Protein backbone atom coordinates (compact mmCIF):
# COMPACT_ATOMS: atom_id res chain seq x y z
CA UNK A 1 -38.95 155.01 29.72
CA UNK A 2 -40.24 154.03 26.32
CA UNK A 3 -40.51 150.47 25.24
CA UNK A 4 -38.63 149.02 22.25
CA UNK A 5 -41.98 149.05 20.31
CA UNK A 6 -42.59 152.67 20.98
CA UNK A 7 -39.04 153.54 19.75
CA UNK A 8 -39.31 151.45 16.65
CA UNK A 9 -42.64 152.90 15.79
CA UNK A 10 -41.34 156.48 16.15
CA UNK A 11 -38.29 155.64 14.00
CA UNK A 12 -40.61 154.12 11.35
CA UNK A 13 -42.96 157.09 11.37
CA UNK A 14 -39.95 159.63 11.12
CA UNK A 15 -38.47 157.54 8.23
CA UNK A 16 -35.28 156.79 10.21
CA UNK A 17 -35.79 153.28 10.65
CA UNK A 18 -35.54 152.78 6.92
CA UNK A 19 -32.17 154.58 6.77
CA UNK A 20 -30.91 152.68 9.75
CA UNK A 21 -31.91 149.31 8.11
CA UNK A 22 -30.42 150.34 5.00
CA UNK A 23 -26.99 151.34 6.83
CA UNK A 24 -26.95 147.98 8.45
CA UNK A 25 -27.46 149.36 11.82
CA UNK A 26 -30.81 147.54 12.46
CA UNK A 27 -31.63 144.09 10.98
CA UNK A 28 -34.45 144.00 8.49
CA UNK A 29 -36.19 141.43 10.44
CA UNK A 30 -37.26 144.09 13.06
CA UNK A 31 -40.10 144.78 10.83
CA UNK A 32 -41.16 141.35 10.85
CA UNK A 33 -40.89 141.24 14.62
CA UNK A 34 -43.08 144.56 14.84
CA UNK A 35 -45.65 142.70 12.78
CA UNK A 36 -45.60 139.56 14.94
CA UNK A 37 -45.86 141.75 17.99
CA UNK A 38 -48.87 143.92 16.69
CA UNK A 39 -50.64 140.79 15.57
CA UNK A 40 -50.49 139.19 19.09
CA UNK A 41 -51.46 142.65 20.58
CA UNK A 42 -54.40 142.83 18.23
CA UNK A 43 -55.61 139.58 19.29
CA UNK A 44 -55.30 140.05 23.04
CA UNK A 45 -56.90 143.60 22.63
CA UNK A 46 -60.17 141.69 21.73
CA UNK A 47 -60.05 139.41 24.62
CA UNK A 48 -58.36 136.44 22.89
CA UNK A 49 -56.05 134.69 25.66
CA UNK A 50 -52.45 135.55 25.16
CA UNK A 51 -51.42 131.80 24.63
CA UNK A 52 -53.91 131.48 22.06
CA UNK A 53 -52.67 134.65 20.27
CA UNK A 54 -49.11 133.26 20.43
CA UNK A 55 -50.10 129.94 19.11
CA UNK A 56 -51.85 131.63 16.10
CA UNK A 57 -49.08 134.05 15.58
CA UNK A 58 -46.74 131.10 15.40
CA UNK A 59 -48.72 129.38 13.10
CA UNK A 60 -49.37 132.20 10.85
CA UNK A 61 -45.78 133.52 10.67
CA UNK A 62 -44.30 129.92 10.64
CA UNK A 63 -42.26 130.18 13.70
CA UNK A 64 -42.02 128.64 17.02
CA UNK A 65 -44.08 129.71 20.05
CA UNK A 66 -40.90 130.43 22.00
CA UNK A 67 -39.72 132.86 19.26
CA UNK A 68 -43.07 134.66 19.42
CA UNK A 69 -42.59 134.96 23.32
CA UNK A 70 -39.01 136.19 22.79
CA UNK A 71 -40.17 138.83 20.33
CA UNK A 72 -42.99 140.05 22.72
CA UNK A 73 -40.43 140.23 25.54
CA UNK A 74 -37.96 142.07 23.50
CA UNK A 75 -40.56 144.62 22.18
CA UNK A 76 -42.07 145.30 25.63
CA UNK A 77 -38.58 145.92 27.18
CA UNK A 78 -37.04 149.35 27.40
């Protein structure tokens, strides 16, 4: 089973995500959520602790740490 981030990435690569957003079937903030998720993943990939990466993401994107954790959880779900 694919995770939500995999599905979103496939839709974006095929061009379908843009159409779905324009049609109102997906919120535009899904692109921001993808950026936040990939930001945290890039930091943890180079051995930065997840809690630190989440703190940095929260500061960088000006959202709460709990929002970052919710985004990560929703993107990993599938």
